[in-house]
């Protein structure tokens, strides 16, 4: 019988194989649909401070959300990895000047940008390797988001390509669920 760690590891491997098969055209179209749906969310529209990751391979491209939030006068926070499994949220005001490739090659905010505390966030857009429709997420296994989200009160929305959704995500006590899941499904 496999333990949770092995099950999660195998599921990550399976999803990475599915990511390799995703076509560029599908990813672009799906990202547009997902971004539109996030921006239509009442919690997003009323939020003054939005926390959103910068999408990378296998994840929806979130530039539209980040751009919309900045243009709407919202305070925009992007995750910055500061230690193993630990992240902070830094405020950006310009997508071109405030982001640079970080630890995992993912665009991250410059460390000198203003810190946004978890208690200041009104709405968060979360990434995942895969998730189910109940809001259970499987990340890359380092626990960055689980640690950051523990004890927070703001609404969270997880975004995932429909082709990467899984039926059953094994959850541990420390795993944090998202309040809603948005995909590109019809």
C-alpha atoms as a PDB file:
ATOM      1  CA  UNK A   1       0.000   0.000   0.000  1.00  0.00           C
ATOM      2  CA  UNK A   2       1.416   3.389  -1.017  1.00  0.00           C
ATOM      3  CA  UNK A   3       1.607   6.203   1.497  1.00  0.00           C
ATOM      4  CA  UNK A   4       0.364   9.766   0.874  1.00  0.00           C
ATOM      5  CA  UNK A   5       3.819  11.011  -0.135  1.00  0.00           C
ATOM      6  CA  UNK A   6       4.213   8.284  -2.787  1.00  0.00           C
ATOM      7  CA  UNK A   7       0.661   8.834  -4.075  1.00  0.00           C
ATOM      8  CA  UNK A   8       1.310  12.585  -4.411  1.00  0.00           C
ATOM      9  CA  UNK A   9       4.698  11.970  -6.073  1.00  0.00           C
ATOM     10  CA  UNK A  10       3.105   9.604  -8.628  1.00  0.00           C
ATOM     11  CA  UNK A  11       0.270  12.040  -9.306  1.00  0.00           C
ATOM     12  CA  UNK A  12       2.797  14.873  -9.905  1.00  0.00           C
ATOM     13  CA  UNK A  13       4.655  12.615 -12.351  1.00  0.00           C
ATOM     14  CA  UNK A  14       1.410  11.773 -14.184  1.00  0.00           C
ATOM     15  CA  UNK A  15       0.423  15.469 -14.429  1.00  0.00           C
ATOM     16  CA  UNK A  16       3.904  16.481 -15.665  1.00  0.00           C
ATOM     17  CA  UNK A  17       3.442  13.954 -18.487  1.00  0.00           C
ATOM     18  CA  UNK A  18       0.049  15.559 -19.274  1.00  0.00           C
ATOM     19  CA  UNK A  19       1.625  19.066 -19.186  1.00  0.00           C
ATOM     20  CA  UNK A  20       4.188  17.940 -21.780  1.00  0.00           C
ATOM     21  CA  UNK A  21       1.279  17.121 -24.131  1.00  0.00           C
ATOM     22  CA  UNK A  22      -0.490  20.482 -23.766  1.00  0.00           C
ATOM     23  CA  UNK A  23      -0.483  22.455 -27.004  1.00  0.00           C
ATOM     24  CA  UNK A  24       0.511  26.127 -26.956  1.00  0.00           C
ATOM     25  CA  UNK A  25      -2.747  27.144 -28.637  1.00  0.00           C
ATOM     26  CA  UNK A  26      -4.815  25.322 -26.013  1.00  0.00           C
ATOM     27  CA  UNK A  27      -2.838  26.928 -23.161  1.00  0.00           C
ATOM     28  CA  UNK A  28      -3.312  30.438 -24.575  1.00  0.00           C
ATOM     29  CA  UNK A  29      -7.062  30.035 -25.197  1.00  0.00           C
ATOM     30  CA  UNK A  30      -7.628  28.286 -21.854  1.00  0.00           C
ATOM     31  CA  UNK A  31      -5.632  30.987 -20.017  1.00  0.00           C
ATOM     32  CA  UNK A  32      -7.801  33.711 -21.568  1.00  0.00           C
ATOM     33  CA  UNK A  33     -11.013  31.947 -20.483  1.00  0.00           C
ATOM     34  CA  UNK A  34      -9.674  31.363 -16.964  1.00  0.00           C
ATOM     35  CA  UNK A  35      -8.499  34.988 -16.579  1.00  0.00           C
ATOM     36  CA  UNK A  36     -11.883  36.325 -17.730  1.00  0.00           C
ATOM     37  CA  UNK A  37     -13.639  34.075 -15.204  1.00  0.00           C
ATOM     38  CA  UNK A  38     -11.359  35.162 -12.353  1.00  0.00           C
ATOM     39  CA  UNK A  39     -11.847  38.844 -13.231  1.00  0.00           C
ATOM     40  CA  UNK A  40     -15.628  38.302 -13.230  1.00  0.00           C
ATOM     41  CA  UNK A  41     -15.571  36.883  -9.674  1.00  0.00           C
ATOM     42  CA  UNK A  42     -17.348  39.231  -7.233  1.00  0.00           C
ATOM     43  CA  UNK A  43     -14.581  38.699  -4.628  1.00  0.00           C
ATOM     44  CA  UNK A  44     -11.970  39.776  -7.188  1.00  0.00           C
ATOM     45  CA  UNK A  45     -13.970  42.787  -8.349  1.00  0.00           C
ATOM     46  CA  UNK A  46     -14.472  44.149  -4.829  1.00  0.00           C
ATOM     47  CA  UNK A  47     -10.936  43.313  -3.623  1.00  0.00           C
ATOM     48  CA  UNK A  48      -8.632  46.243  -2.940  1.00  0.00           C
ATOM     49  CA  UNK A  49      -5.568  44.000  -2.528  1.00  0.00           C
ATOM     50  CA  UNK A  50      -5.134  40.987  -4.806  1.00  0.00           C
ATOM     51  CA  UNK A  51      -2.510  38.265  -4.403  1.00  0.00           C
ATOM     52  CA  UNK A  52      -1.719  36.410  -7.644  1.00  0.00           C
ATOM     53  CA  UNK A  53       1.136  34.233  -8.863  1.00  0.00           C
ATOM     54  CA  UNK A  54       2.827  34.646 -12.251  1.00  0.00           C
ATOM     55  CA  UNK A  55       1.977  31.602 -14.372  1.00  0.00           C
ATOM     56  CA  UNK A  56       4.695  29.356 -15.753  1.00  0.00           C
ATOM     57  CA  UNK A  57       4.715  26.237 -17.947  1.00  0.00           C
ATOM     58  CA  UNK A  58       1.716  24.009 -17.211  1.00  0.00           C
ATOM     59  CA  UNK A  59      -0.099  26.828 -15.401  1.00  0.00           C
ATOM     60  CA  UNK A  60      -2.547  29.378 -16.764  1.00  0.00           C
ATOM     61  CA  UNK A  61      -0.893  32.626 -17.877  1.00  0.00           C
ATOM     62  CA  UNK A  62      -1.988  35.172 -15.249  1.00  0.00           C
ATOM     63  CA  UNK A  63      -0.605  38.329 -16.897  1.00  0.00           C
ATOM     64  CA  UNK A  64      -4.143  39.468 -17.848  1.00  0.00           C
ATOM     65  CA  UNK A  65      -5.275  39.265 -14.214  1.00  0.00           C
ATOM     66  CA  UNK A  66      -2.170  41.090 -12.944  1.00  0.00           C
ATOM     67  CA  UNK A  67      -2.510  43.777 -15.618  1.00  0.00           C
ATOM     68  CA  UNK A  68      -6.244  44.220 -14.980  1.00  0.00           C
ATOM     69  CA  UNK A  69      -5.681  44.499 -11.226  1.00  0.00           C
ATOM     70  CA  UNK A  70      -2.969  47.133 -11.716  1.00  0.00           C
ATOM     71  CA  UNK A  71      -5.078  49.099 -14.223  1.00  0.00           C
ATOM     72  CA  UNK A  72      -8.085  48.937 -11.859  1.00  0.00           C
ATOM     73  CA  UNK A  73      -6.045  50.600  -9.125  1.00  0.00           C
ATOM     74  CA  UNK A  74      -5.848  47.505  -6.958  1.00  0.00           C
ATOM     75  CA  UNK A  75      -2.825  46.767  -4.809  1.00  0.00           C
ATOM     76  CA  UNK A  76      -1.165  43.732  -6.402  1.00  0.00           C
ATOM     77  CA  UNK A  77       0.940  41.209  -4.522  1.00  0.00           C
ATOM     78  CA  UNK A  78       3.088  38.508  -6.099  1.00  0.00           C
ATOM     79  CA  UNK A  79       4.817  35.651  -4.218  1.00  0.00           C
ATOM     80  CA  UNK A  80       8.547  35.816  -3.506  1.00  0.00           C
ATOM     81  CA  UNK A  81      10.375  32.695  -2.279  1.00  0.00           C
ATOM     82  CA  UNK A  82      12.592  33.833   0.594  1.00  0.00           C
ATOM     83  CA  UNK A  83      13.686  30.471   2.071  1.00  0.00           C
ATOM     84  CA  UNK A  84      12.960  26.797   1.500  1.00  0.00           C
ATOM     85  CA  UNK A  85       9.186  26.453   1.768  1.00  0.00           C
ATOM     86  CA  UNK A  86       8.757  30.081   2.858  1.00  0.00           C
ATOM     87  CA  UNK A  87       7.315  32.871   0.737  1.00  0.00           C
ATOM     88  CA  UNK A  88       6.345  36.484   1.197  1.00  0.00           C
ATOM     89  CA  UNK A  89       4.068  38.691  -0.857  1.00  0.00           C
ATOM     90  CA  UNK A  90       5.624  41.774  -2.436  1.00  0.00           C
ATOM     91  CA  UNK A  91       3.684  44.636  -4.007  1.00  0.00           C
ATOM     92  CA  UNK A  92       4.287  45.254  -7.698  1.00  0.00           C
ATOM     93  CA  UNK A  93       3.228  48.267  -9.738  1.00  0.00           C
ATOM     94  CA  UNK A  94       4.821  47.446 -13.111  1.00  0.00           C
ATOM     95  CA  UNK A  95       4.939  43.985 -14.720  1.00  0.00           C
ATOM     96  CA  UNK A  96       8.051  44.801 -16.742  1.00  0.00           C
ATOM     97  CA  UNK A  97      10.152  46.547 -14.089  1.00  0.00           C
ATOM     98  CA  UNK A  98       9.133  44.770 -10.873  1.00  0.00           C
ATOM     99  CA  UNK A  99       9.539  41.096 -11.863  1.00  0.00           C
ATOM    100  CA  UNK A 100      12.647  39.012 -12.547  1.00  0.00           C
ATOM    101  CA  UNK A 101      13.260  35.232 -12.851  1.00  0.00           C
ATOM    102  CA  UNK A 102      13.632  33.730  -9.373  1.00  0.00           C
ATOM    103  CA  UNK A 103      14.736  30.453  -7.785  1.00  0.00           C
ATOM    104  CA  UNK A 104      12.731  28.119 -10.032  1.00  0.00           C
ATOM    105  CA  UNK A 105      12.940  30.343 -13.124  1.00  0.00           C
ATOM    106  CA  UNK A 106       9.501  31.737 -12.249  1.00  0.00           C
ATOM    107  CA  UNK A 107       9.036  35.499 -12.427  1.00  0.00           C
ATOM    108  CA  UNK A 108       9.190  36.918  -8.920  1.00  0.00           C
ATOM    109  CA  UNK A 109       8.958  40.426  -7.491  1.00  0.00           C
ATOM    110  CA  UNK A 110      12.172  42.233  -6.578  1.00  0.00           C
ATOM    111  CA  UNK A 111      12.936  41.685  -2.871  1.00  0.00           C
ATOM    112  CA  UNK A 112      13.130  45.415  -2.133  1.00  0.00           C
ATOM    113  CA  UNK A 113       9.474  45.994  -3.114  1.00  0.00           C
ATOM    114  CA  UNK A 114       6.940  46.701  -0.307  1.00  0.00           C
ATOM    115  CA  UNK A 115       5.832  43.707   1.758  1.00  0.00           C
ATOM    116  CA  UNK A 116       2.111  42.887   1.849  1.00  0.00           C
ATOM    117  CA  UNK A 117       1.024  41.048   5.003  1.00  0.00           C
ATOM    118  CA  UNK A 118      -1.451  38.156   4.685  1.00  0.00           C
ATOM    119  CA  UNK A 119      -3.996  40.145   6.716  1.00  0.00           C
ATOM    120  CA  UNK A 120      -4.028  42.890   4.063  1.00  0.00           C
ATOM    121  CA  UNK A 121      -5.036  40.547   1.211  1.00  0.00           C
ATOM    122  CA  UNK A 122      -8.678  40.596   0.051  1.00  0.00           C
ATOM    123  CA  UNK A 123      -8.519  37.909  -2.638  1.00  0.00           C
ATOM    124  CA  UNK A 124      -5.949  35.347  -3.784  1.00  0.00           C
ATOM    125  CA  UNK A 125      -5.437  33.431  -7.028  1.00  0.00           C
ATOM    126  CA  UNK A 126      -3.619  30.162  -6.340  1.00  0.00           C
ATOM    127  CA  UNK A 127      -1.605  27.899  -8.624  1.00  0.00           C
ATOM    128  CA  UNK A 128      -1.470  24.111  -8.521  1.00  0.00           C
ATOM    129  CA  UNK A 129       0.103  21.201 -10.340  1.00  0.00           C
ATOM    130  CA  UNK A 130      -3.394  19.691 -10.289  1.00  0.00           C
ATOM    131  CA  UNK A 131      -6.546  19.958  -8.192  1.00  0.00           C
ATOM    132  CA  UNK A 132     -10.057  18.598  -7.912  1.00  0.00           C
ATOM    133  CA  UNK A 133     -13.342  20.503  -8.038  1.00  0.00           C
ATOM    134  CA  UNK A 134     -13.601  20.457  -4.223  1.00  0.00           C
ATOM    135  CA  UNK A 135     -10.647  22.854  -3.905  1.00  0.00           C
ATOM    136  CA  UNK A 136      -8.074  20.259  -2.873  1.00  0.00           C
ATOM    137  CA  UNK A 137      -4.742  21.190  -4.420  1.00  0.00           C
ATOM    138  CA  UNK A 138      -1.536  19.400  -5.235  1.00  0.00           C
ATOM    139  CA  UNK A 139       1.404  21.761  -5.484  1.00  0.00           C
ATOM    140  CA  UNK A 140       5.047  21.029  -6.196  1.00  0.00           C
ATOM    141  CA  UNK A 141       5.499  19.514  -2.737  1.00  0.00           C
ATOM    142  CA  UNK A 142       7.497  22.245  -1.006  1.00  0.00           C
ATOM    143  CA  UNK A 143       4.561  23.567   1.047  1.00  0.00           C
ATOM    144  CA  UNK A 144       5.008  27.266   0.198  1.00  0.00           C
ATOM    145  CA  UNK A 145       1.282  27.936  -0.233  1.00  0.00           C
ATOM    146  CA  UNK A 146       0.129  25.638   2.589  1.00  0.00           C
ATOM    147  CA  UNK A 147       2.371  27.465   5.063  1.00  0.00           C
ATOM    148  CA  UNK A 148       1.413  30.899   3.757  1.00  0.00           C
ATOM    149  CA  UNK A 149      -2.352  30.232   3.710  1.00  0.00           C
ATOM    150  CA  UNK A 150      -2.553  28.628   7.157  1.00  0.00           C
ATOM    151  CA  UNK A 151      -4.887  30.697   9.317  1.00  0.00           C
ATOM    152  CA  UNK A 152      -5.742  33.255   6.604  1.00  0.00           C
ATOM    153  CA  UNK A 153      -9.305  34.498   6.088  1.00  0.00           C
ATOM    154  CA  UNK A 154      -9.323  35.956   2.543  1.00  0.00           C
ATOM    155  CA  UNK A 155     -11.213  34.129  -0.255  1.00  0.00           C
ATOM    156  CA  UNK A 156      -9.024  31.958  -2.480  1.00  0.00           C
ATOM    157  CA  UNK A 157      -9.598  30.810  -6.016  1.00  0.00           C
ATOM    158  CA  UNK A 158      -7.439  28.116  -7.579  1.00  0.00           C
ATOM    159  CA  UNK A 159      -6.933  28.100 -11.323  1.00  0.00           C
ATOM    160  CA  UNK A 160      -6.107  25.028 -13.367  1.00  0.00           C
ATOM    161  CA  UNK A 161      -6.323  23.886 -16.957  1.00  0.00           C
ATOM    162  CA  UNK A 162      -9.320  21.555 -17.328  1.00  0.00           C
ATOM    163  CA  UNK A 163      -7.023  18.961 -18.937  1.00  0.00           C
ATOM    164  CA  UNK A 164      -4.978  18.814 -15.709  1.00  0.00           C
ATOM    165  CA  UNK A 165      -7.854  18.368 -13.226  1.00  0.00           C
ATOM    166  CA  UNK A 166      -7.654  15.172 -11.167  1.00  0.00           C
ATOM    167  CA  UNK A 167     -10.451  13.214  -9.585  1.00  0.00           C
ATOM    168  CA  UNK A 168      -9.010  12.562  -6.181  1.00  0.00           C
ATOM    169  CA  UNK A 169      -6.293  14.631  -4.517  1.00  0.00           C
ATOM    170  CA  UNK A 170      -4.843  13.067  -1.371  1.00  0.00           C
ATOM    171  CA  UNK A 171      -4.922  15.628   1.441  1.00  0.00           C
ATOM    172  CA  UNK A 172      -2.854  15.809   4.627  1.00  0.00           C
ATOM    173  CA  UNK A 173      -3.689  17.768   7.788  1.00  0.00           C
ATOM    174  CA  UNK A 174      -1.429  20.676   6.770  1.00  0.00           C
ATOM    175  CA  UNK A 175      -2.855  20.943   3.215  1.00  0.00           C
ATOM    176  CA  UNK A 176      -4.942  24.077   2.630  1.00  0.00           C
ATOM    177  CA  UNK A 177      -8.065  23.949   0.442  1.00  0.00           C
ATOM    178  CA  UNK A 178      -9.100  26.694  -1.985  1.00  0.00           C
ATOM    179  CA  UNK A 179     -12.582  28.219  -1.710  1.00  0.00           C
ATOM    180  CA  UNK A 180     -13.248  27.852  -5.428  1.00  0.00           C
ATOM    181  CA  UNK A 181     -11.754  26.312  -8.553  1.00  0.00           C
ATOM    182  CA  UNK A 182     -11.799  27.972 -11.966  1.00  0.00           C
ATOM    183  CA  UNK A 183     -10.949  26.080 -15.155  1.00  0.00           C
ATOM    184  CA  UNK A 184     -11.512  26.586 -18.888  1.00  0.00           C
ATOM    185  CA  UNK A 185     -14.258  23.920 -18.980  1.00  0.00           C
ATOM    186  CA  UNK A 186     -17.270  24.707 -21.151  1.00  0.00           C
END
